[in-house]
Amino acid sequence: MIPVVKAYTNEKDLEADINTLKDQGISQKDIYILTENEAHTERIVEETEYKNINYNRKSIGGFEYKEDELLRKLEVLNVAKPEAERYVEDIKQGKVILIVTDQRIKGVL
C-alpha cells in the first residue's frame, strides 16, 4: 500500500491534520512524522498528545548520513524513491513530513 504523505512548514497545520486523523479514528500506529532531528519530532508529538507517532526514535540500522536513514525510513513505509528523495530535501529545508499508512484518509488530507 502506498501511504499518504504531506509536507508541512506550519506546525499548527500539522497538528490540525493530526487531530482530524484522530477524529477519523486513524490509529496512531498508522501515523508517522519525520523531521531533521529527534527533539523537534518529540516536541510535535507532545503537542499532539499522540505518543506513538514519533518515527524518528525508531532505529532501523546504522547509517553514516542522516539523509540515508530518512530515505530508508520512507522506503520502509512504501514511499517511492523519487518521492522519498524529494521529501528528504523538504526535511533538510526544515519541513515536517506526515506519513499515514491507513488508506481510509485518502482525500482527507
Protein backbone atom coordinates (compact mmCIF):
# COMPACT_ATOMS: atom_id res chain seq x y z
CA MET A 1 0.00 0.00 0.00
CA ILE A 2 1.22 3.46 -0.88
CA PRO A 3 0.95 5.84 2.08
CA VAL A 4 -0.40 9.37 2.05
CA VAL A 5 2.46 11.82 2.56
CA LYS A 6 2.28 15.54 3.19
CA ALA A 7 4.99 18.13 3.93
CA TYR A 8 4.36 20.98 6.36
CA THR A 9 6.04 24.29 7.01
CA ASN A 10 3.48 25.28 9.64
CA GLU A 11 3.26 23.01 12.67
CA LYS A 12 -0.20 24.28 13.59
CA ASP A 13 -1.48 22.95 10.26
CA LEU A 14 0.21 19.62 11.02
CA GLU A 15 -1.40 19.46 14.48
CA ALA A 16 -4.81 20.27 12.97
CA ASP A 17 -4.42 17.45 10.45
CA ILE A 18 -3.33 15.00 13.16
CA ASN A 19 -6.41 15.95 15.17
CA THR A 20 -8.52 15.33 12.06
CA LEU A 21 -6.91 11.89 11.77
CA LYS A 22 -7.74 11.19 15.42
CA ASP A 23 -11.34 12.26 14.81
CA GLN A 24 -11.49 9.91 11.80
CA GLY A 25 -10.42 7.01 14.02
CA ILE A 26 -7.00 6.56 12.43
CA SER A 27 -4.73 4.54 14.71
CA GLN A 28 -1.57 6.20 15.94
CA LYS A 29 0.26 3.11 14.63
CA ASP A 30 -0.58 4.33 11.11
CA ILE A 31 0.78 7.86 11.62
CA TYR A 32 4.46 8.75 11.25
CA ILE A 33 6.33 12.04 11.50
CA LEU A 34 9.80 12.66 10.12
CA THR A 35 11.87 15.75 10.89
CA GLU A 36 15.54 16.67 10.75
CA ASN A 37 16.08 15.94 14.44
CA GLU A 38 14.59 13.89 17.22
CA ALA A 39 13.99 16.81 19.61
CA HIS A 40 11.83 18.54 17.01
CA THR A 41 9.78 15.40 16.48
CA GLU A 42 9.37 14.87 20.22
CA ARG A 43 8.03 18.42 20.66
CA ILE A 44 5.46 17.88 17.90
CA VAL A 45 4.39 14.56 19.39
CA GLU A 46 3.95 16.12 22.84
CA GLU A 47 1.78 18.88 21.38
CA THR A 48 -0.47 16.40 19.58
CA GLU A 49 -0.76 14.05 22.56
CA TYR A 50 -0.49 11.09 20.19
CA LYS A 51 2.51 9.37 21.75
CA ASN A 52 3.30 6.56 19.29
CA ILE A 53 3.79 8.63 16.16
CA ASN A 54 7.43 9.55 16.76
CA TYR A 55 9.10 7.66 13.92
CA ASN A 56 12.46 9.41 14.39
CA ARG A 57 13.05 7.39 17.56
CA LYS A 58 12.94 4.06 15.75
CA SER A 59 16.40 2.96 14.70
CA ILE A 60 16.37 0.93 11.51
CA GLY A 61 20.09 0.35 11.17
CA GLY A 62 23.40 2.15 11.29
CA PHE A 63 23.60 4.82 8.64
CA GLU A 64 26.53 7.13 8.20
CA TYR A 65 24.37 10.00 6.96
CA LYS A 66 21.00 11.22 8.25
CA GLU A 67 19.78 11.54 4.66
CA ASP A 68 20.33 7.80 4.07
CA GLU A 69 18.44 6.94 7.25
CA LEU A 70 15.49 9.15 6.27
CA LEU A 71 15.40 7.62 2.78
CA ARG A 72 15.37 4.13 4.29
CA LYS A 73 12.56 5.03 6.69
CA LEU A 74 10.48 6.37 3.80
CA GLU A 75 11.28 3.25 1.76
CA VAL A 76 10.14 1.01 4.64
CA LEU A 77 6.83 2.90 4.55
CA ASN A 78 6.49 2.21 0.78
CA VAL A 79 7.24 5.72 -0.45
CA ALA A 80 8.69 5.50 -3.96
CA LYS A 81 12.34 6.53 -4.23
CA PRO A 82 11.83 9.71 -6.33
CA GLU A 83 9.19 10.98 -3.88
CA ALA A 84 11.30 9.90 -0.91
CA GLU A 85 14.25 11.90 -2.22
CA ARG A 86 12.01 14.95 -2.62
CA TYR A 87 10.69 14.56 0.94
CA VAL A 88 14.22 14.25 2.32
CA GLU A 89 15.06 17.55 0.61
CA ASP A 90 11.95 19.06 2.23
CA ILE A 91 13.11 17.77 5.63
CA LYS A 92 16.56 19.27 5.08
CA GLN A 93 14.84 22.62 4.46
CA GLY A 94 13.09 22.38 7.84
CA LYS A 95 9.75 20.92 6.77
CA VAL A 96 7.95 18.23 8.74
CA ILE A 97 6.71 15.16 6.87
CA LEU A 98 3.49 13.40 7.87
CA ILE A 99 3.05 9.85 6.59
CA VAL A 100 -0.22 7.96 7.03
CA THR A 101 -0.47 4.30 6.07
CA ASP A 102 -4.24 3.93 6.62
CA GLN A 103 -5.84 4.24 3.18
CA ARG A 104 -9.14 5.50 4.60
CA ILE A 105 -7.72 9.01 4.75
CA LYS A 106 -7.13 9.46 1.04
CA GLY A 107 -8.69 12.78 0.18
CA VAL A 108 -8.94 13.85 3.83
CA LEU A 109 -5.50 15.49 3.99
